Amino acid sequence: MNFLESYFNDNTKRLIHKWRHYFEVYENHFARYRGKKPVVLEIGVSQGGSLQMWKSYFGEGCTIIGLDIDPECKKLEEPGVHVHIGSQSDRNFLRDLKKKIPKVDILIDDGGHTMEQQIVSFEELYDHIKDDGVYLCEDMHTSYWIAFGGGHRRRGTMIEYSKHFIDDINAWHSEQPSLTVNDFTRSAHSVHFYDSMVVVHKRKMEKPYTVQSGNLSFIPQVETDIMGRKPPAQSLGKRAKESFYYRMNRLARFFKLPHVGP
């Protein structure tokens, strides 16, 4: 049992409401910040219990910032804990908030859980996370709940939106104009999916490249390049066949169909 789970079990202070498996995820991604005086922004203050938990977890000198739409939450401020009142789906409010608070090490979205709220908050606040910081959105199961605008593979949900993160971090390798390197490609080192959660670790990224070391163990019977691609066939008939399948696969790729041919 980690510190956060123990804190939760022994909590007699303000109310905390979490899914049990979240504590392991928190520990996996936040532990390196303990005792390092991080700046933590949590969207969704509720009763203020998690703000107290983060303050205890990260230790002396940390800065905990809460964001909530309920003005009552302003009363939950204490030394080291600051609360801002506003809507996480209001782009103008979020842009103004960034002018008032320092860049954050950790952003936790535990707000209203609607699709608009989660997506707008990510789009407006991701760039306010430090270059080596962490973004975490939780309670993404609402992407499957109709009351929050969800549904399996429904367009516009946070689950469907975050699936594009997988493409974006691999955009260096794309051969199509529909997927190009963007700011996320250059700033996201890794993306982690869990039940109801997605976590992004930021790091300045450059175009990847392959390397080799050591000596050949045998001479390959089929000549390929370092990525396993074969050179063009020598005979005219084989080259014509390769050309045909290449054109067919370009067409299949356009329509997002499976691979054609051998």
Protein backbone atom coordinates (compact mmCIF):
# COMPACT_ATOMS: atom_id res chain seq x y z
CA MET A 1 0.00 0.00 0.00
CA ASN A 2 1.50 3.33 -1.06
CA PHE A 3 1.46 6.67 0.77
CA LEU A 4 -1.58 8.05 -1.03
CA GLU A 5 -3.70 4.98 -0.38
CA SER A 6 -2.66 4.99 3.28
CA TYR A 7 -3.48 8.69 3.53
CA PHE A 8 -6.89 8.06 1.98
CA ASN A 9 -7.67 5.15 4.31
CA ASP A 10 -6.70 7.15 7.40
CA ASN A 11 -8.27 10.41 6.23
CA THR A 12 -10.38 12.24 8.81
CA LYS A 13 -10.07 15.66 7.21
CA ARG A 14 -11.96 16.92 4.15
CA LEU A 15 -13.82 14.48 1.94
CA ILE A 16 -11.92 12.66 -0.82
CA HIS A 17 -13.72 10.63 -3.51
CA LYS A 18 -11.54 8.47 -5.78
CA TRP A 19 -11.66 5.17 -7.64
CA ARG A 20 -9.53 2.71 -5.71
CA HIS A 21 -7.14 1.87 -8.57
CA TYR A 22 -6.19 5.53 -9.07
CA PHE A 23 -3.74 5.54 -6.16
CA GLU A 24 -1.35 3.14 -7.88
CA VAL A 25 -1.41 5.26 -11.04
CA TYR A 26 -0.71 8.42 -9.06
CA GLU A 27 2.24 6.80 -7.35
CA ASN A 28 3.67 5.53 -10.64
CA HIS A 29 3.65 8.94 -12.26
CA PHE A 30 3.99 11.44 -9.40
CA ALA A 31 6.49 9.83 -7.02
CA ARG A 32 9.50 11.56 -8.57
CA TYR A 33 8.07 14.94 -7.54
CA ARG A 34 7.87 14.22 -3.81
CA GLY A 35 10.02 16.64 -1.86
CA LYS A 36 10.84 18.60 -5.05
CA LYS A 37 8.46 21.54 -4.41
CA PRO A 38 6.28 20.97 -7.48
CA VAL A 39 3.49 23.20 -8.72
CA VAL A 40 0.34 21.09 -9.02
CA LEU A 41 -2.90 22.20 -10.67
CA GLU A 42 -6.00 20.13 -9.98
CA ILE A 43 -9.20 20.87 -11.86
CA GLY A 44 -12.14 19.99 -9.63
CA VAL A 45 -11.89 20.95 -5.97
CA SER A 46 -15.16 19.47 -4.66
CA GLN A 47 -14.80 19.30 -0.85
CA GLY A 48 -11.08 20.08 -0.92
CA GLY A 49 -9.87 16.75 0.40
CA SER A 50 -7.61 15.90 -2.53
CA LEU A 51 -5.93 19.32 -2.33
CA GLN A 52 -4.96 18.48 1.25
CA MET A 53 -3.82 15.03 0.14
CA TRP A 54 -1.55 16.46 -2.55
CA LYS A 55 -0.09 18.96 -0.11
CA SER A 56 0.77 16.19 2.32
CA TYR A 57 2.10 13.91 -0.42
CA PHE A 58 4.41 16.35 -2.20
CA GLY A 59 5.68 17.89 1.01
CA GLU A 60 6.93 21.21 2.27
CA GLY A 61 7.33 23.93 -0.33
CA CYS A 62 4.91 22.53 -2.91
CA THR A 63 2.27 24.76 -4.46
CA ILE A 64 -1.20 23.30 -4.86
CA ILE A 65 -3.65 25.15 -7.12
CA GLY A 66 -7.30 24.18 -7.34
CA LEU A 67 -9.79 25.19 -10.02
CA ASP A 68 -13.54 24.90 -9.56
CA ILE A 69 -16.74 26.55 -10.77
CA ASP A 70 -18.28 26.61 -7.28
CA PRO A 71 -17.49 29.88 -5.41
CA GLU A 72 -17.75 28.00 -2.08
CA CYS A 73 -14.46 26.28 -2.91
CA LYS A 74 -12.60 29.56 -2.41
CA LYS A 75 -13.12 29.04 1.35
CA LEU A 76 -10.97 25.92 1.20
CA GLU A 77 -7.71 27.83 0.69
CA GLU A 78 -4.96 27.38 3.22
CA PRO A 79 -1.20 28.03 3.27
CA GLY A 80 0.25 26.45 0.13
CA VAL A 81 -3.20 25.82 -1.36
CA HIS A 82 -4.78 28.34 -3.71
CA VAL A 83 -8.20 28.12 -5.37
CA HIS A 84 -9.38 29.87 -8.53
CA ILE A 85 -13.05 30.06 -9.44
CA GLY A 86 -14.15 29.64 -13.03
CA SER A 87 -15.28 27.21 -15.71
CA GLN A 88 -12.83 24.72 -17.16
CA SER A 89 -14.70 24.88 -20.48
CA ASP A 90 -14.31 28.67 -20.74
CA ARG A 91 -11.29 29.20 -22.99
CA ASN A 92 -10.99 32.89 -22.14
CA PHE A 93 -10.99 32.12 -18.40
CA LEU A 94 -8.30 29.46 -18.82
CA ARG A 95 -6.15 31.78 -20.91
CA ASP A 96 -6.44 34.43 -18.24
CA LEU A 97 -5.66 31.87 -15.53
CA LYS A 98 -2.37 31.03 -17.23
CA LYS A 99 -1.32 34.64 -16.77
CA LYS A 100 -1.95 34.40 -13.03
CA ILE A 101 -0.30 31.11 -12.11
CA PRO A 102 3.19 29.72 -12.73
CA LYS A 103 3.76 26.88 -15.18
CA VAL A 104 2.82 23.61 -13.53
CA ASP A 105 4.70 20.36 -13.04
CA ILE A 106 1.51 18.32 -12.82
CA LEU A 107 -1.97 18.94 -14.21
CA ILE A 108 -4.77 16.72 -12.90
CA ASP A 109 -8.17 16.99 -14.59
CA ASP A 110 -10.77 15.77 -12.11
CA GLY A 111 -13.35 18.38 -13.02
CA GLY A 112 -16.82 18.11 -14.47
CA HIS A 113 -15.98 15.13 -16.70
CA THR A 114 -18.00 16.26 -19.73
CA MET A 115 -16.40 15.91 -23.14
CA GLU A 116 -16.18 19.64 -23.73
CA GLN A 117 -14.65 20.28 -20.31
CA GLN A 118 -11.95 17.67 -20.68
CA ILE A 119 -11.03 18.53 -24.26
CA VAL A 120 -11.04 22.31 -23.79
CA SER A 121 -8.96 22.03 -20.62
CA PHE A 122 -6.37 19.90 -22.39
CA GLU A 123 -6.19 22.19 -25.42
CA GLU A 124 -5.84 25.34 -23.35
CA LEU A 125 -3.63 24.13 -20.49
CA TYR A 126 -1.31 21.51 -22.01
CA ASP A 127 1.16 24.20 -23.04
CA HIS A 128 1.16 25.52 -19.45
CA ILE A 129 2.67 22.26 -18.19
CA LYS A 130 6.45 22.42 -17.91
CA ASP A 131 8.52 20.73 -20.61
CA ASP A 132 9.18 17.76 -18.30
CA GLY A 133 5.80 17.75 -16.59
CA VAL A 134 2.84 15.38 -16.42
CA TYR A 135 -0.75 15.66 -17.64
CA LEU A 136 -3.34 13.32 -16.13
CA CYS A 137 -7.03 13.18 -16.98
CA GLU A 138 -9.18 10.92 -14.85
CA ASP A 139 -12.77 9.66 -14.84
CA MET A 140 -12.67 9.20 -18.60
CA HIS A 141 -15.26 6.44 -18.28
CA THR A 142 -17.74 9.28 -18.79
CA SER A 143 -16.78 8.95 -22.46
CA TYR A 144 -19.10 5.92 -22.40
CA TRP A 145 -21.94 7.55 -20.40
CA ILE A 146 -24.68 9.26 -22.36
CA ALA A 147 -25.37 11.83 -19.64
CA PHE A 148 -21.88 13.25 -20.21
CA GLY A 149 -22.01 13.11 -24.02
CA GLY A 150 -20.38 9.70 -24.22
CA GLY A 151 -20.83 6.49 -26.18
CA HIS A 152 -18.69 3.67 -27.55
CA ARG A 153 -16.57 5.11 -30.36
CA ARG A 154 -18.75 8.20 -30.36
CA ARG A 155 -17.18 11.16 -32.08
CA GLY A 156 -16.27 14.02 -29.79
CA THR A 157 -15.57 11.99 -26.64
CA MET A 158 -12.37 12.40 -24.66
CA ILE A 159 -11.54 8.74 -25.24
CA GLU A 160 -11.74 9.17 -29.02
CA TYR A 161 -9.87 12.49 -28.79
CA SER A 162 -7.02 10.98 -26.77
CA LYS A 163 -6.64 8.04 -29.15
CA HIS A 164 -5.12 10.56 -31.55
CA PHE A 165 -2.25 10.97 -29.06
CA ILE A 166 -0.98 7.57 -30.24
CA ASP A 167 -0.83 8.78 -33.83
CA ASP A 168 0.69 12.11 -32.84
CA ILE A 169 3.69 10.68 -30.97
CA ASN A 170 4.38 8.44 -34.00
CA ALA A 171 3.92 11.20 -36.58
CA TRP A 172 7.66 11.24 -37.31
CA HIS A 173 7.11 8.06 -39.34
CA SER A 174 4.01 9.08 -41.27
CA GLU A 175 4.10 9.03 -45.08
CA GLN A 176 0.76 10.82 -45.42
CA PRO A 177 -0.19 14.50 -45.17
CA SER A 178 -3.11 13.53 -42.93
CA LEU A 179 -0.61 12.88 -40.11
CA THR A 180 2.23 15.35 -39.65
CA VAL A 181 4.54 16.30 -36.81
CA ASN A 182 2.88 18.81 -34.49
CA ASP A 183 3.48 20.44 -31.11
CA PHE A 184 2.33 17.31 -29.29
CA THR A 185 4.76 15.17 -31.28
CA ARG A 186 7.60 17.46 -30.26
CA SER A 187 6.61 17.68 -26.59
CA ALA A 188 5.19 14.29 -25.53
CA HIS A 189 7.60 11.54 -24.56
CA SER A 190 4.99 8.90 -23.68
CA VAL A 191 1.26 8.29 -23.34
CA HIS A 192 -0.16 5.86 -20.77
CA PHE A 193 -3.73 4.56 -20.77
CA TYR A 194 -5.46 3.03 -17.75
CA ASP A 195 -9.03 2.27 -16.81
CA SER A 196 -10.66 5.71 -16.91
CA MET A 197 -7.33 7.58 -17.15
CA VAL A 198 -4.78 8.87 -19.61
CA VAL A 199 -1.36 10.18 -18.59
CA VAL A 200 1.06 12.13 -20.78
CA HIS A 201 4.71 12.60 -19.81
CA LYS A 202 6.18 15.64 -21.48
CA ARG A 203 9.74 15.92 -22.76
CA LYS A 204 11.25 17.86 -25.65
CA MET A 205 11.46 15.35 -28.49
CA GLU A 206 13.49 15.24 -31.68
CA LYS A 207 13.10 13.06 -34.75
CA PRO A 208 14.14 9.51 -33.80
CA TYR A 209 16.88 7.65 -35.64
CA THR A 210 18.14 4.06 -35.70
CA VAL A 211 21.58 2.89 -34.62
CA GLN A 212 23.56 -0.34 -34.98
CA SER A 213 26.47 -1.96 -33.18
CA GLY A 214 28.25 -5.30 -33.34
CA ASN A 215 29.04 -7.64 -36.23
CA LEU A 216 26.92 -9.72 -38.57
CA SER A 217 26.31 -13.28 -37.36
CA PHE A 218 25.55 -14.51 -40.89
CA ILE A 219 24.91 -13.14 -44.38
CA PRO A 220 21.15 -12.73 -44.86
CA GLN A 221 19.74 -14.70 -47.81
CA VAL A 222 17.37 -11.83 -48.59
CA GLU A 223 18.94 -8.40 -48.81
CA THR A 224 17.09 -5.72 -46.84
CA ASP A 225 17.81 -2.31 -45.42
CA ILE A 226 18.09 -1.69 -41.68
CA MET A 227 14.29 -1.53 -41.38
CA GLY A 228 13.75 -4.81 -43.22
CA ARG A 229 12.65 -3.31 -46.52
CA LYS A 230 13.63 -5.20 -49.66
CA PRO A 231 15.28 -3.49 -52.66
CA PRO A 232 13.38 -3.47 -55.98
CA ALA A 233 13.27 -6.83 -57.77
CA GLN A 234 15.71 -7.39 -60.64
CA SER A 235 13.41 -9.13 -63.11
CA LEU A 236 10.90 -7.08 -65.07
CA GLY A 237 8.02 -9.40 -64.18
CA LYS A 238 8.64 -9.21 -60.44
CA ARG A 239 9.11 -5.46 -60.60
CA ALA A 240 5.76 -5.12 -62.41
CA LYS A 241 4.09 -7.23 -59.72
CA GLU A 242 5.65 -5.14 -56.95
CA SER A 243 4.53 -1.96 -58.67
CA PHE A 244 0.97 -3.27 -58.98
CA TYR A 245 0.72 -4.17 -55.28
CA TYR A 246 2.33 -0.89 -54.30
CA ARG A 247 -0.34 1.06 -56.19
CA MET A 248 -3.09 -1.17 -54.80
CA ASN A 249 -1.85 -0.58 -51.25
CA ARG A 250 -1.71 3.17 -51.73
CA LEU A 251 -5.37 2.99 -52.74
CA ALA A 252 -6.19 0.66 -49.84
CA ARG A 253 -4.38 2.97 -47.44
CA PHE A 254 -6.43 5.94 -48.66
CA PHE A 255 -9.65 4.09 -47.87
CA LYS A 256 -8.14 2.69 -44.63
CA LEU A 257 -8.45 -0.90 -45.87
CA PRO A 258 -6.19 -3.84 -44.88
CA HIS A 259 -2.94 -4.66 -46.65
CA VAL A 260 -3.29 -6.13 -50.17
CA GLY A 261 -1.08 -8.86 -51.59
CA PRO A 262 1.80 -10.98 -50.28
